[in-house]
C-alpha cells in the first residue's frame, strides 16, 4: 500500500501493523482545519501580526522535521520526495509570512512629514 509507514514508525494505538490509518488521518486534518479557522476568525485585527509571527515559527518547525525526513536513508523515495515538497512549501510560507508581517507593521508606523 502506498500510504504505509516504514518499519521505523510507531505502531497504531490498536496494536496494528504500522499502516497509516487513513480515516484517522483525515479526521485529524479536518479537525485541525476547523479549529484553525475558528481561532483565526475570532482573533481581533490588532492581533493578526503576532498570529502571523506564530505561524512562521510553526512553519520553521515543519522545515526542521522535513529536513530530517528528507535526509533519512531508511525512508522510501516517495517519502523523501514529500519531505522535499514540505521543505519548499514551508520555506515559501515563512518568507511570504515575514514579508506580509513587515508590510503590516509598516502600516502602524507614524509617517514623518517632509518639511519644505
C-alpha atoms as a PDB file:
ATOM      1  CA  UNK A   1       0.000   0.000   0.000  1.00  0.00           C
ATOM      2  CA  UNK A   2       1.346   3.432  -0.944  1.00  0.00           C
ATOM      3  CA  UNK A   3       0.178   5.034   2.312  1.00  0.00           C
ATOM      4  CA  UNK A   4       2.098   2.800   4.698  1.00  0.00           C
ATOM      5  CA  UNK A   5       4.668   3.822   7.290  1.00  0.00           C
ATOM      6  CA  UNK A   6       8.110   2.305   7.266  1.00  0.00           C
ATOM      7  CA  UNK A   7       9.029  -0.267   9.879  1.00  0.00           C
ATOM      8  CA  UNK A   8      10.586   2.548  11.932  1.00  0.00           C
ATOM      9  CA  UNK A   9       7.230   4.154  12.668  1.00  0.00           C
ATOM     10  CA  UNK A  10       5.318   3.617  15.869  1.00  0.00           C
ATOM     11  CA  UNK A  11       2.522   1.065  15.752  1.00  0.00           C
ATOM     12  CA  UNK A  12      -1.019   2.350  15.783  1.00  0.00           C
ATOM     13  CA  UNK A  13      -2.992   2.547  19.017  1.00  0.00           C
ATOM     14  CA  UNK A  14      -4.951  -0.576  18.145  1.00  0.00           C
ATOM     15  CA  UNK A  15      -1.778  -2.655  18.001  1.00  0.00           C
ATOM     16  CA  UNK A  16      -1.856  -2.572  14.213  1.00  0.00           C
ATOM     17  CA  UNK A  17       0.845  -3.397  11.753  1.00  0.00           C
ATOM     18  CA  UNK A  18       2.206   0.145  11.355  1.00  0.00           C
ATOM     19  CA  UNK A  19      -0.086   1.040   8.474  1.00  0.00           C
ATOM     20  CA  UNK A  20      -1.451   4.528   8.235  1.00  0.00           C
ATOM     21  CA  UNK A  21      -4.999   4.812   9.478  1.00  0.00           C
ATOM     22  CA  UNK A  22      -6.324   6.911   6.601  1.00  0.00           C
ATOM     23  CA  UNK A  23      -9.661   7.729   8.217  1.00  0.00           C
ATOM     24  CA  UNK A  24      -7.917   8.778  11.431  1.00  0.00           C
ATOM     25  CA  UNK A  25      -5.516  10.996   9.497  1.00  0.00           C
ATOM     26  CA  UNK A  26      -8.390  12.585   7.553  1.00  0.00           C
ATOM     27  CA  UNK A  27     -10.283  13.165  10.812  1.00  0.00           C
ATOM     28  CA  UNK A  28      -7.275  14.866  12.433  1.00  0.00           C
ATOM     29  CA  UNK A  29      -6.753  17.008   9.319  1.00  0.00           C
ATOM     30  CA  UNK A  30     -10.409  18.090   9.214  1.00  0.00           C
ATOM     31  CA  UNK A  31     -10.461  18.797  12.962  1.00  0.00           C
ATOM     32  CA  UNK A  32      -7.253  20.856  12.760  1.00  0.00           C
ATOM     33  CA  UNK A  33      -8.646  22.798   9.792  1.00  0.00           C
ATOM     34  CA  UNK A  34     -11.912  23.553  11.604  1.00  0.00           C
ATOM     35  CA  UNK A  35     -10.194  24.604  14.837  1.00  0.00           C
ATOM     36  CA  UNK A  36      -7.699  26.740  12.913  1.00  0.00           C
ATOM     37  CA  UNK A  37     -10.467  28.554  11.057  1.00  0.00           C
ATOM     38  CA  UNK A  38     -12.395  29.172  14.268  1.00  0.00           C
ATOM     39  CA  UNK A  39      -9.316  30.562  16.037  1.00  0.00           C
ATOM     40  CA  UNK A  40      -8.364  32.868  13.165  1.00  0.00           C
ATOM     41  CA  UNK A  41     -11.909  34.185  12.730  1.00  0.00           C
ATOM     42  CA  UNK A  42     -12.135  35.111  16.412  1.00  0.00           C
ATOM     43  CA  UNK A  43      -8.803  36.967  16.584  1.00  0.00           C
ATOM     44  CA  UNK A  44      -9.123  40.757  16.581  1.00  0.00           C
ATOM     45  CA  UNK A  45      -7.498  42.659  13.754  1.00  0.00           C
ATOM     46  CA  UNK A  46      -4.812  44.065  16.044  1.00  0.00           C
ATOM     47  CA  UNK A  47      -3.558  40.582  16.876  1.00  0.00           C
ATOM     48  CA  UNK A  48      -3.113  39.341  13.310  1.00  0.00           C
ATOM     49  CA  UNK A  49       0.541  40.427  13.187  1.00  0.00           C
ATOM     50  CA  UNK A  50       1.563  38.338  16.237  1.00  0.00           C
ATOM     51  CA  UNK A  51      -0.542  35.476  14.884  1.00  0.00           C
ATOM     52  CA  UNK A  52       1.383  35.625  11.597  1.00  0.00           C
ATOM     53  CA  UNK A  53       4.672  35.533  13.519  1.00  0.00           C
ATOM     54  CA  UNK A  54       3.490  32.479  15.431  1.00  0.00           C
ATOM     55  CA  UNK A  55       2.574  30.638  12.237  1.00  0.00           C
ATOM     56  CA  UNK A  56       6.033  31.468  10.871  1.00  0.00           C
ATOM     57  CA  UNK A  57       7.540  29.771  13.924  1.00  0.00           C
ATOM     58  CA  UNK A  58       5.342  26.709  13.405  1.00  0.00           C
ATOM     59  CA  UNK A  59       6.421  26.567   9.759  1.00  0.00           C
ATOM     60  CA  UNK A  60      10.043  26.689  10.894  1.00  0.00           C
ATOM     61  CA  UNK A  61       9.406  23.585  12.995  1.00  0.00           C
ATOM     62  CA  UNK A  62       7.883  21.927   9.917  1.00  0.00           C
ATOM     63  CA  UNK A  63      11.029  22.758   7.921  1.00  0.00           C
ATOM     64  CA  UNK A  64      13.247  21.109  10.534  1.00  0.00           C
ATOM     65  CA  UNK A  65      11.062  17.987  10.520  1.00  0.00           C
ATOM     66  CA  UNK A  66      11.009  17.875   6.727  1.00  0.00           C
ATOM     67  CA  UNK A  67      14.806  18.182   6.574  1.00  0.00           C
ATOM     68  CA  UNK A  68      15.155  15.273   8.996  1.00  0.00           C
ATOM     69  CA  UNK A  69      12.781  13.146   6.909  1.00  0.00           C
ATOM     70  CA  UNK A  70      14.408  14.121   3.602  1.00  0.00           C
ATOM     71  CA  UNK A  71      17.892  13.296   4.864  1.00  0.00           C
ATOM     72  CA  UNK A  72      16.898   9.875   6.174  1.00  0.00           C
ATOM     73  CA  UNK A  73      18.214   6.946   4.144  1.00  0.00           C
ATOM     74  CA  UNK A  74      15.786   4.455   5.687  1.00  0.00           C
ATOM     75  CA  UNK A  75      12.706   6.070   4.125  1.00  0.00           C
ATOM     76  CA  UNK A  76      11.361   5.139   0.675  1.00  0.00           C
ATOM     77  CA  UNK A  77      11.863   7.520  -2.229  1.00  0.00           C
ATOM     78  CA  UNK A  78       8.348   8.919  -2.202  1.00  0.00           C
ATOM     79  CA  UNK A  79       8.673   9.874   1.483  1.00  0.00           C
ATOM     80  CA  UNK A  80      11.895  11.740   0.688  1.00  0.00           C
ATOM     81  CA  UNK A  81      10.146  13.493  -2.210  1.00  0.00           C
ATOM     82  CA  UNK A  82       7.270  14.513   0.061  1.00  0.00           C
ATOM     83  CA  UNK A  83       9.839  15.821   2.552  1.00  0.00           C
ATOM     84  CA  UNK A  84      11.408  17.972  -0.156  1.00  0.00           C
ATOM     85  CA  UNK A  85       7.977  19.310  -1.135  1.00  0.00           C
ATOM     86  CA  UNK A  86       7.318  20.085   2.545  1.00  0.00           C
ATOM     87  CA  UNK A  87      10.622  21.968   2.772  1.00  0.00           C
ATOM     88  CA  UNK A  88       9.703  24.056  -0.267  1.00  0.00           C
ATOM     89  CA  UNK A  89       6.154  24.801   0.916  1.00  0.00           C
ATOM     90  CA  UNK A  90       7.178  25.653   4.480  1.00  0.00           C
ATOM     91  CA  UNK A  91      10.040  27.859   3.339  1.00  0.00           C
ATOM     92  CA  UNK A  92       7.712  29.695   0.958  1.00  0.00           C
ATOM     93  CA  UNK A  93       5.236  30.148   3.813  1.00  0.00           C
ATOM     94  CA  UNK A  94       7.929  31.507   6.136  1.00  0.00           C
ATOM     95  CA  UNK A  95       9.337  34.003   3.621  1.00  0.00           C
ATOM     96  CA  UNK A  96       5.944  35.272   2.487  1.00  0.00           C
ATOM     97  CA  UNK A  97       4.745  35.432   6.095  1.00  0.00           C
ATOM     98  CA  UNK A  98       7.665  37.643   7.076  1.00  0.00           C
ATOM     99  CA  UNK A  99       7.074  39.881   4.040  1.00  0.00           C
ATOM    100  CA  UNK A 100       3.393  40.289   4.896  1.00  0.00           C
ATOM    101  CA  UNK A 101       4.178  40.855   8.587  1.00  0.00           C
ATOM    102  CA  UNK A 102       6.671  43.558   7.613  1.00  0.00           C
ATOM    103  CA  UNK A 103       4.046  45.294   5.474  1.00  0.00           C
ATOM    104  CA  UNK A 104       1.519  45.103   8.307  1.00  0.00           C
ATOM    105  CA  UNK A 105       3.993  46.597  10.788  1.00  0.00           C
ATOM    106  CA  UNK A 106       4.796  49.442   8.385  1.00  0.00           C
ATOM    107  CA  UNK A 107       1.112  50.405   8.447  1.00  0.00           C
ATOM    108  CA  UNK A 108       1.388  51.120  12.192  1.00  0.00           C
ATOM    109  CA  UNK A 109       4.489  53.325  11.927  1.00  0.00           C
ATOM    110  CA  UNK A 110       3.911  57.043  12.083  1.00  0.00           C
ATOM    111  CA  UNK A 111       4.784  58.692   8.824  1.00  0.00           C
ATOM    112  CA  UNK A 112       7.188  61.602   9.057  1.00  0.00           C
ATOM    113  CA  UNK A 113       6.067  64.762   7.333  1.00  0.00           C
ATOM    114  CA  UNK A 114       8.575  66.197   4.937  1.00  0.00           C
ATOM    115  CA  UNK A 115       9.416  69.812   5.848  1.00  0.00           C
ATOM    116  CA  UNK A 116       9.721  72.191   2.925  1.00  0.00           C
END
